[in-house]
Amino acid sequence: MLDNYEDFVKAIREEEEMSKTKSLTRKKMKRSDKLQAEGQKRMVKKNITREATDFFYRLRSSKRSIASHPEASVKVRKAIAEFKQKISEV
């Protein structure tokens, strides 16, 4: 009888430990916190887009010199198009 009781207590303790690890408590966010996080995301995205635009503007003279070489020109245009696409997906 005592063995059964000890096994029962042990099983209950193991179950409690498992339930603690399964259910992690999360901090509830207020609506204002969510809005702040969304605002920060938008601002970061806007800054990335602005920096990319400036980068492409500075590349203009380099692109002109590369355009004189047909094989390189195609590769550069494809790379720039892919880069712009990836940035727009951010």
PDB file of N, CA and C in Angstrom:
ATOM      1  N   MET A   1       0.821  -1.193   0.000  1.00  0.00           N
ATOM      2  CA  MET A   1       0.000   0.000   0.000  1.00  0.00           C
ATOM      3  C   MET A   1       0.864   1.256   0.000  1.00  0.00           C
ATOM      4  N   LEU A   2       1.926   1.223   0.795  1.00  0.00           N
ATOM      5  CA  LEU A   2       2.807   2.376   0.885  1.00  0.00           C
ATOM      6  C   LEU A   2       3.517   2.631  -0.441  1.00  0.00           C
ATOM      7  N   ASP A   3       3.910   1.558  -1.134  1.00  0.00           N
ATOM      8  CA  ASP A   3       4.564   1.706  -2.435  1.00  0.00           C
ATOM      9  C   ASP A   3       3.634   2.367  -3.444  1.00  0.00           C
ATOM     10  N   ASN A   4       2.390   1.963  -3.430  1.00  0.00           N
ATOM     11  CA  ASN A   4       1.416   2.546  -4.352  1.00  0.00           C
ATOM     12  C   ASN A   4       1.229   4.032  -4.081  1.00  0.00           C
ATOM     13  N   TYR A   5       1.190   4.394  -2.795  1.00  0.00           N
ATOM     14  CA  TYR A   5       1.027   5.793  -2.423  1.00  0.00           C
ATOM     15  C   TYR A   5       2.220   6.614  -2.896  1.00  0.00           C
ATOM     16  N   GLU A   6       3.439   6.097  -2.670  1.00  0.00           N
ATOM     17  CA  GLU A   6       4.649   6.805  -3.095  1.00  0.00           C
ATOM     18  C   GLU A   6       4.694   6.949  -4.616  1.00  0.00           C
ATOM     19  N   ASP A   7       4.303   5.897  -5.320  1.00  0.00           N
ATOM     20  CA  ASP A   7       4.246   5.975  -6.780  1.00  0.00           C
ATOM     21  C   ASP A   7       3.224   7.009  -7.234  1.00  0.00           C
ATOM     22  N   PHE A   8       2.108   7.045  -6.534  1.00  0.00           N
ATOM     23  CA  PHE A   8       1.057   8.003  -6.862  1.00  0.00           C
ATOM     24  C   PHE A   8       1.543   9.442  -6.657  1.00  0.00           C
ATOM     25  N   VAL A   9       2.190   9.698  -5.518  1.00  0.00           N
ATOM     26  CA  VAL A   9       2.722  11.031  -5.221  1.00  0.00           C
ATOM     27  C   VAL A   9       3.791  11.416  -6.245  1.00  0.00           C
ATOM     28  N   LYS A  10       4.643  10.462  -6.584  1.00  0.00           N
ATOM     29  CA  LYS A  10       5.692  10.712  -7.568  1.00  0.00           C
ATOM     30  C   LYS A  10       5.090  11.056  -8.935  1.00  0.00           C
ATOM     31  N   ALA A  11       4.055  10.343  -9.321  1.00  0.00           N
ATOM     32  CA  ALA A  11       3.391  10.602 -10.600  1.00  0.00           C
ATOM     33  C   ALA A  11       2.752  11.989 -10.615  1.00  0.00           C
ATOM     34  N   ILE A  12       2.143  12.374  -9.496  1.00  0.00           N
ATOM     35  CA  ILE A  12       1.524  13.702  -9.412  1.00  0.00           C
ATOM     36  C   ILE A  12       2.587  14.789  -9.527  1.00  0.00           C
ATOM     37  N   ARG A  13       3.707  14.625  -8.840  1.00  0.00           N
ATOM     38  CA  ARG A  13       4.785  15.623  -8.912  1.00  0.00           C
ATOM     39  C   ARG A  13       5.341  15.741 -10.325  1.00  0.00           C
ATOM     40  N   GLU A  14       5.523  14.599 -10.986  1.00  0.00           N
ATOM     41  CA  GLU A  14       6.018  14.624 -12.360  1.00  0.00           C
ATOM     42  C   GLU A  14       5.029  15.338 -13.278  1.00  0.00           C
ATOM     43  N   GLU A  15       3.754  15.099 -13.058  1.00  0.00           N
ATOM     44  CA  GLU A  15       2.718  15.745 -13.873  1.00  0.00           C
ATOM     45  C   GLU A  15       2.729  17.253 -13.653  1.00  0.00           C
ATOM     46  N   GLU A  16       2.915  17.679 -12.396  1.00  0.00           N
ATOM     47  CA  GLU A  16       2.978  19.109 -12.106  1.00  0.00           C
ATOM     48  C   GLU A  16       4.183  19.749 -12.790  1.00  0.00           C
ATOM     49  N   GLU A  17       5.320  19.078 -12.744  1.00  0.00           N
ATOM     50  CA  GLU A  17       6.516  19.600 -13.408  1.00  0.00           C
ATOM     51  C   GLU A  17       6.304  19.708 -14.915  1.00  0.00           C
ATOM     52  N   MET A  18       5.670  18.694 -15.490  1.00  0.00           N
ATOM     53  CA  MET A  18       5.409  18.709 -16.926  1.00  0.00           C
ATOM     54  C   MET A  18       4.477  19.853 -17.297  1.00  0.00           C
ATOM     55  N   SER A  19       3.450  20.072 -16.475  1.00  0.00           N
ATOM     56  CA  SER A  19       2.500  21.134 -16.793  1.00  0.00           C
ATOM     57  C   SER A  19       3.160  22.503 -16.667  1.00  0.00           C
ATOM     58  N   LYS A  20       4.119  22.639 -15.760  1.00  0.00           N
ATOM     59  CA  LYS A  20       4.828  23.909 -15.628  1.00  0.00           C
ATOM     60  C   LYS A  20       5.671  24.194 -16.855  1.00  0.00           C
ATOM     61  N   THR A  21       6.321  23.172 -17.373  1.00  0.00           N
ATOM     62  CA  THR A  21       7.164  23.396 -18.545  1.00  0.00           C
ATOM     63  C   THR A  21       6.337  23.568 -19.807  1.00  0.00           C
ATOM     64  N   LYS A  22       5.162  22.945 -19.848  1.00  0.00           N
ATOM     65  CA  LYS A  22       4.326  23.057 -21.044  1.00  0.00           C
ATOM     66  C   LYS A  22       3.706  24.439 -21.161  1.00  0.00           C
ATOM     67  N   SER A  23       3.194  24.949 -20.067  1.00  0.00           N
ATOM     68  CA  SER A  23       2.475  26.220 -20.140  1.00  0.00           C
ATOM     69  C   SER A  23       3.375  27.342 -19.643  1.00  0.00           C
ATOM     70  N   LEU A  24       4.036  27.973 -20.558  1.00  0.00           N
ATOM     71  CA  LEU A  24       4.852  29.118 -20.187  1.00  0.00           C
ATOM     72  C   LEU A  24       3.939  30.331 -20.079  1.00  0.00           C
ATOM     73  N   THR A  25       4.080  31.054 -18.998  1.00  0.00           N
ATOM     74  CA  THR A  25       3.231  32.226 -18.837  1.00  0.00           C
ATOM     75  C   THR A  25       3.777  33.352 -19.691  1.00  0.00           C
ATOM     76  N   ARG A  26       2.882  34.015 -20.362  1.00  0.00           N
ATOM     77  CA  ARG A  26       3.273  35.129 -21.223  1.00  0.00           C
ATOM     78  C   ARG A  26       2.803  36.429 -20.598  1.00  0.00           C
ATOM     79  N   LYS A  27       3.575  37.450 -20.845  1.00  0.00           N
ATOM     80  CA  LYS A  27       3.194  38.767 -20.363  1.00  0.00           C
ATOM     81  C   LYS A  27       2.171  39.336 -21.336  1.00  0.00           C
ATOM     82  N   LYS A  28       1.052  39.740 -20.818  1.00  0.00           N
ATOM     83  CA  LYS A  28       0.031  40.310 -21.690  1.00  0.00           C
ATOM     84  C   LYS A  28       0.479  41.695 -22.124  1.00  0.00           C
ATOM     85  N   MET A  29       0.288  41.953 -23.410  1.00  0.00           N
ATOM     86  CA  MET A  29       0.665  43.263 -23.936  1.00  0.00           C
ATOM     87  C   MET A  29      -0.565  44.163 -23.956  1.00  0.00           C
ATOM     88  N   LYS A  30      -0.352  45.389 -23.599  1.00  0.00           N
ATOM     89  CA  LYS A  30      -1.427  46.368 -23.708  1.00  0.00           C
ATOM     90  C   LYS A  30      -1.555  46.766 -25.169  1.00  0.00           C
ATOM     91  N   ARG A  31      -2.660  47.352 -25.494  1.00  0.00           N
ATOM     92  CA  ARG A  31      -2.868  47.800 -26.875  1.00  0.00           C
ATOM     93  C   ARG A  31      -1.833  48.851 -27.256  1.00  0.00           C
ATOM     94  N   SER A  32      -1.494  49.720 -26.320  1.00  0.00           N
ATOM     95  CA  SER A  32      -0.511  50.768 -26.618  1.00  0.00           C
ATOM     96  C   SER A  32       0.863  50.157 -26.908  1.00  0.00           C
ATOM     97  N   ASP A  33       1.218  49.071 -26.201  1.00  0.00           N
ATOM     98  CA  ASP A  33       2.494  48.397 -26.461  1.00  0.00           C
ATOM     99  C   ASP A  33       2.511  47.814 -27.864  1.00  0.00           C
ATOM    100  N   LYS A  34       1.389  47.223 -28.265  1.00  0.00           N
ATOM    101  CA  LYS A  34       1.302  46.653 -29.606  1.00  0.00           C
ATOM    102  C   LYS A  34       1.424  47.744 -30.663  1.00  0.00           C
ATOM    103  N   LEU A  35       0.761  48.867 -30.431  1.00  0.00           N
ATOM    104  CA  LEU A  35       0.829  49.973 -31.389  1.00  0.00           C
ATOM    105  C   LEU A  35       2.241  50.533 -31.481  1.00  0.00           C
ATOM    106  N   GLN A  36       2.923  50.611 -30.342  1.00  0.00           N
ATOM    107  CA  GLN A  36       4.310  51.080 -30.355  1.00  0.00           C
ATOM    108  C   GLN A  36       5.195  50.127 -31.136  1.00  0.00           C
ATOM    109  N   ALA A  37       5.006  48.835 -30.941  1.00  0.00           N
ATOM    110  CA  ALA A  37       5.803  47.842 -31.659  1.00  0.00           C
ATOM    111  C   ALA A  37       5.549  47.931 -33.158  1.00  0.00           C
ATOM    112  N   GLU A  38       4.293  48.098 -33.542  1.00  0.00           N
ATOM    113  CA  GLU A  38       3.967  48.235 -34.968  1.00  0.00           C
ATOM    114  C   GLU A  38       4.585  49.506 -35.540  1.00  0.00           C
ATOM    115  N   GLY A  39       4.540  50.585 -34.779  1.00  0.00           N
ATOM    116  CA  GLY A  39       5.146  51.837 -35.226  1.00  0.00           C
ATOM    117  C   GLY A  39       6.645  51.703 -35.420  1.00  0.00           C
ATOM    118  N   GLN A  40       7.295  51.002 -34.502  1.00  0.00           N
ATOM    119  CA  GLN A  40       8.734  50.789 -34.633  1.00  0.00           C
ATOM    120  C   GLN A  40       9.055  49.942 -35.853  1.00  0.00           C
ATOM    121  N   LYS A  41       8.232  48.918 -36.112  1.00  0.00           N
ATOM    122  CA  LYS A  41       8.448  48.082 -37.293  1.00  0.00           C
ATOM    123  C   LYS A  41       8.329  48.911 -38.563  1.00  0.00           C
ATOM    124  N   ARG A  42       7.285  49.755 -38.617  1.00  0.00           N
ATOM    125  CA  ARG A  42       7.099  50.605 -39.800  1.00  0.00           C
ATOM    126  C   ARG A  42       8.270  51.558 -39.980  1.00  0.00           C
ATOM    127  N   MET A  43       8.757  52.114 -38.876  1.00  0.00           N
ATOM    128  CA  MET A  43       9.859  53.061 -38.958  1.00  0.00           C
ATOM    129  C   MET A  43      11.131  52.372 -39.442  1.00  0.00           C
ATOM    130  N   VAL A  44      11.400  51.172 -38.954  1.00  0.00           N
ATOM    131  CA  VAL A  44      12.582  50.422 -39.389  1.00  0.00           C
ATOM    132  C   VAL A  44      12.477  50.092 -40.869  1.00  0.00           C
ATOM    133  N   LYS A  45      11.295  49.661 -41.299  1.00  0.00           N
ATOM    134  CA  LYS A  45      11.092  49.336 -42.712  1.00  0.00           C
ATOM    135  C   LYS A  45      11.294  50.573 -43.583  1.00  0.00           C
ATOM    136  N   LYS A  46      10.790  51.703 -43.120  1.00  0.00           N
ATOM    137  CA  LYS A  46      10.937  52.955 -43.864  1.00  0.00           C
ATOM    138  C   LYS A  46      12.411  53.345 -43.964  1.00  0.00           C
ATOM    139  N   ASN A  47      13.155  53.182 -42.868  1.00  0.00           N
ATOM    140  CA  ASN A  47      14.583  53.507 -42.885  1.00  0.00           C
ATOM    141  C   ASN A  47      15.355  52.592 -43.826  1.00  0.00           C
ATOM    142  N   ILE A  48      15.012  51.304 -43.838  1.00  0.00           N
ATOM    143  CA  ILE A  48      15.682  50.366 -44.746  1.00  0.00           C
ATOM    144  C   ILE A  48      15.417  50.755 -46.190  1.00  0.00           C
ATOM    145  N   THR A  49      14.168  51.075 -46.494  1.00  0.00           N
ATOM    146  CA  THR A  49      13.810  51.468 -47.859  1.00  0.00           C
ATOM    147  C   THR A  49      14.538  52.746 -48.259  1.00  0.00           C
ATOM    148  N   ARG A  50      14.619  53.699 -47.352  1.00  0.00           N
ATOM    149  CA  ARG A  50      15.302  54.965 -47.642  1.00  0.00           C
ATOM    150  C   ARG A  50      16.792  54.737 -47.909  1.00  0.00           C
ATOM    151  N   GLU A  51      17.422  53.919 -47.076  1.00  0.00           N
ATOM    152  CA  GLU A  51      18.849  53.632 -47.264  1.00  0.00           C
ATOM    153  C   GLU A  51      19.096  52.896 -48.574  1.00  0.00           C
ATOM    154  N   ALA A  52      18.212  51.976 -48.923  1.00  0.00           N
ATOM    155  CA  ALA A  52      18.366  51.247 -50.186  1.00  0.00           C
ATOM    156  C   ALA A  52      18.225  52.191 -51.372  1.00  0.00           C
ATOM    157  N   THR A  53      17.277  53.116 -51.292  1.00  0.00           N
ATOM    158  CA  THR A  53      17.094  54.092 -52.370  1.00  0.00           C
ATOM    159  C   THR A  53      18.339  54.952 -52.519  1.00  0.00           C
ATOM    160  N   ASP A  54      18.894  55.403 -51.408  1.00  0.00           N
ATOM    161  CA  ASP A  54      20.133  56.193 -51.460  1.00  0.00           C
ATOM    162  C   ASP A  54      21.274  55.380 -52.047  1.00  0.00           C
ATOM    163  N   PHE A  55      21.349  54.113 -51.686  1.00  0.00           N
ATOM    164  CA  PHE A  55      22.390  53.230 -52.209  1.00  0.00           C
ATOM    165  C   PHE A  55      22.285  53.116 -53.726  1.00  0.00           C
ATOM    166  N   PHE A  56      21.067  52.919 -54.231  1.00  0.00           N
ATOM    167  CA  PHE A  56      20.883  52.811 -55.678  1.00  0.00           C
ATOM    168  C   PHE A  56      21.190  54.126 -56.381  1.00  0.00           C
ATOM    169  N   TYR A  57      20.890  55.234 -55.725  1.00  0.00           N
ATOM    170  CA  TYR A  57      21.196  56.534 -56.318  1.00  0.00           C
ATOM    171  C   TYR A  57      22.710  56.708 -56.463  1.00  0.00           C
ATOM    172  N   ARG A  58      23.461  56.262 -55.449  1.00  0.00           N
ATOM    173  CA  ARG A  58      24.922  56.373 -55.510  1.00  0.00           C
ATOM    174  C   ARG A  58      25.527  55.405 -56.523  1.00  0.00           C
ATOM    175  N   LEU A  59      24.793  54.371 -56.902  1.00  0.00           N
ATOM    176  CA  LEU A  59      25.293  53.389 -57.869  1.00  0.00           C
ATOM    177  C   LEU A  59      25.142  53.825 -59.328  1.00  0.00           C
ATOM    178  N   ARG A  60      24.484  54.931 -59.584  1.00  0.00           N
ATOM    179  CA  ARG A  60      24.170  55.306 -60.964  1.00  0.00           C
ATOM    180  C   ARG A  60      25.392  55.371 -61.870  1.00  0.00           C
ATOM    181  N   SER A  61      26.432  56.045 -61.426  1.00  0.00           N
ATOM    182  CA  SER A  61      27.619  56.169 -62.285  1.00  0.00           C
ATOM    183  C   SER A  61      28.293  54.814 -62.488  1.00  0.00           C
ATOM    184  N   SER A  62      28.299  53.993 -61.460  1.00  0.00           N
ATOM    185  CA  SER A  62      28.884  52.651 -61.594  1.00  0.00           C
ATOM    186  C   SER A  62      28.074  51.802 -62.563  1.00  0.00           C
ATOM    187  N   LYS A  63      26.753  51.937 -62.509  1.00  0.00           N
ATOM    188  CA  LYS A  63      25.909  51.161 -63.421  1.00  0.00           C
ATOM    189  C   LYS A  63      26.150  51.574 -64.871  1.00  0.00           C
ATOM    190  N   ARG A  64      26.403  52.845 -65.092  1.00  0.00           N
ATOM    191  CA  ARG A  64      26.680  53.308 -66.465  1.00  0.00           C
ATOM    192  C   ARG A  64      27.953  52.675 -67.008  1.00  0.00           C
ATOM    193  N   SER A  65      28.987  52.604 -66.184  1.00  0.00           N
ATOM    194  CA  SER A  65      30.241  52.007 -66.654  1.00  0.00           C
ATOM    195  C   SER A  65      30.094  50.500 -66.852  1.00  0.00           C
ATOM    196  N   ILE A  66      29.282  49.854 -66.028  1.00  0.00           N
ATOM    197  CA  ILE A  66      29.056  48.417 -66.175  1.00  0.00           C
ATOM    198  C   ILE A  66      28.210  48.130 -67.411  1.00  0.00           C
ATOM    199  N   ALA A  67      27.331  49.052 -67.770  1.00  0.00           N
ATOM    200  CA  ALA A  67      26.439  48.845 -68.912  1.00  0.00           C
ATOM    201  C   ALA A  67      27.200  48.677 -70.219  1.00  0.00           C
ATOM    202  N   SER A  68      28.445  49.128 -70.261  1.00  0.00           N
ATOM    203  CA  SER A  68      29.232  48.975 -71.489  1.00  0.00           C
ATOM    204  C   SER A  68      29.660  47.526 -71.711  1.00  0.00           C
ATOM    205  N   HIS A  69      29.610  46.696 -70.680  1.00  0.00           N
ATOM    206  CA  HIS A  69      29.947  45.277 -70.791  1.00  0.00           C
ATOM    207  C   HIS A  69      28.651  44.463 -70.759  1.00  0.00           C
ATOM    208  N   PRO A  70      28.259  43.831 -71.870  1.00  0.00           N
ATOM    209  CA  PRO A  70      26.941  43.174 -71.944  1.00  0.00           C
ATOM    210  C   PRO A  70      26.715  42.068 -70.913  1.00  0.00           C
ATOM    211  N   GLU A  71      27.706  41.179 -70.699  1.00  0.00           N
ATOM    212  CA  GLU A  71      27.480  40.073 -69.756  1.00  0.00           C
ATOM    213  C   GLU A  71      27.327  40.587 -68.328  1.00  0.00           C
ATOM    214  N   ALA A  72      28.187  41.507 -67.961  1.00  0.00           N
ATOM    215  CA  ALA A  72      28.141  42.056 -66.605  1.00  0.00           C
ATOM    216  C   ALA A  72      26.872  42.870 -66.398  1.00  0.00           C
ATOM    217  N   SER A  73      26.452  43.565 -67.440  1.00  0.00           N
ATOM    218  CA  SER A  73      25.275  44.413 -67.324  1.00  0.00           C
ATOM    219  C   SER A  73      24.039  43.603 -66.947  1.00  0.00           C
ATOM    220  N   VAL A  74      23.853  42.456 -67.604  1.00  0.00           N
ATOM    221  CA  VAL A  74      22.687  41.613 -67.320  1.00  0.00           C
ATOM    222  C   VAL A  74      22.742  41.095 -65.885  1.00  0.00           C
ATOM    223  N   LYS A  75      23.913  40.636 -65.459  1.00  0.00           N
ATOM    224  CA  LYS A  75      24.050  40.103 -64.101  1.00  0.00           C
ATOM    225  C   LYS A  75      23.785  41.180 -63.049  1.00  0.00           C
ATOM    226  N   VAL A  76      24.304  42.372 -63.303  1.00  0.00           N
ATOM    227  CA  VAL A  76      24.113  43.463 -62.342  1.00  0.00           C
ATOM    228  C   VAL A  76      22.644  43.856 -62.279  1.00  0.00           C
ATOM    229  N   ARG A  77      21.990  43.956 -63.425  1.00  0.00           N
ATOM    230  CA  ARG A  77      20.569  44.316 -63.429  1.00  0.00           C
ATOM    231  C   ARG A  77      19.729  43.272 -62.700  1.00  0.00           C
ATOM    232  N   LYS A  78      20.045  41.994 -62.908  1.00  0.00           N
ATOM    233  CA  LYS A  78      19.312  40.933 -62.208  1.00  0.00           C
ATOM    234  C   LYS A  78      19.547  41.007 -60.701  1.00  0.00           C
ATOM    235  N   ALA A  79      20.801  41.229 -60.318  1.00  0.00           N
ATOM    236  CA  ALA A  79      21.124  41.313 -58.886  1.00  0.00           C
ATOM    237  C   ALA A  79      20.415  42.496 -58.236  1.00  0.00           C
ATOM    238  N   ILE A  80      20.395  43.624 -58.922  1.00  0.00           N
ATOM    239  CA  ILE A  80      19.728  44.811 -58.372  1.00  0.00           C
ATOM    240  C   ILE A  80      18.227  44.574 -58.268  1.00  0.00           C
ATOM    241  N   ALA A  81      17.649  43.946 -59.286  1.00  0.00           N
ATOM    242  CA  ALA A  81      16.211  43.657 -59.251  1.00  0.00           C
ATOM    243  C   ALA A  81      15.871  42.712 -58.099  1.00  0.00           C
ATOM    244  N   GLU A  82      16.699  41.691 -57.892  1.00  0.00           N
ATOM    245  CA  GLU A  82      16.468  40.761 -56.781  1.00  0.00           C
ATOM    246  C   GLU A  82      16.590  41.473 -55.438  1.00  0.00           C
ATOM    247  N   PHE A  83      17.592  42.347 -55.330  1.00  0.00           N
ATOM    248  CA  PHE A  83      17.802  43.096 -54.093  1.00  0.00           C
ATOM    249  C   PHE A  83      16.596  43.985 -53.793  1.00  0.00           C
ATOM    250  N   LYS A  84      16.101  44.684 -54.805  1.00  0.00           N
ATOM    251  CA  LYS A  84      14.928  45.542 -54.613  1.00  0.00           C
ATOM    252  C   LYS A  84      13.715  44.715 -54.191  1.00  0.00           C
ATOM    253  N   GLN A  85      13.566  43.543 -54.800  1.00  0.00           N
ATOM    254  CA  GLN A  85      12.440  42.673 -54.463  1.00  0.00           C
ATOM    255  C   GLN A  85      12.526  42.206 -53.013  1.00  0.00           C
ATOM    256  N   LYS A  86      13.724  41.807 -52.581  1.00  0.00           N
ATOM    257  CA  LYS A  86      13.898  41.338 -51.200  1.00  0.00           C
ATOM    258  C   LYS A  86      13.603  42.454 -50.203  1.00  0.00           C
ATOM    259  N   ILE A  87      14.028  43.669 -50.535  1.00  0.00           N
ATOM    260  CA  ILE A  87      13.781  44.792 -49.627  1.00  0.00           C
ATOM    261  C   ILE A  87      12.290  45.099 -49.556  1.00  0.00           C
ATOM    262  N   SER A  88      11.603  45.007 -50.684  1.00  0.00           N
ATOM    263  CA  SER A  88      10.168  45.297 -50.668  1.00  0.00           C
ATOM    264  C   SER A  88       9.393  44.249 -49.873  1.00  0.00           C
ATOM    265  N   GLU A  89       9.944  43.045 -49.729  1.00  0.00           N
ATOM    266  CA  GLU A  89       9.278  41.984 -48.970  1.00  0.00           C
ATOM    267  C   GLU A  89       9.472  42.125 -47.467  1.00  0.00           C
ATOM    268  N   VAL A  90      10.419  42.944 -47.045  1.00  0.00           N
ATOM    269  CA  VAL A  90      10.716  43.095 -45.614  1.00  0.00           C
ATOM    270  C   VAL A  90       9.532  43.662 -44.874  1.00  0.00           C
TER     271      VAL A  90
END
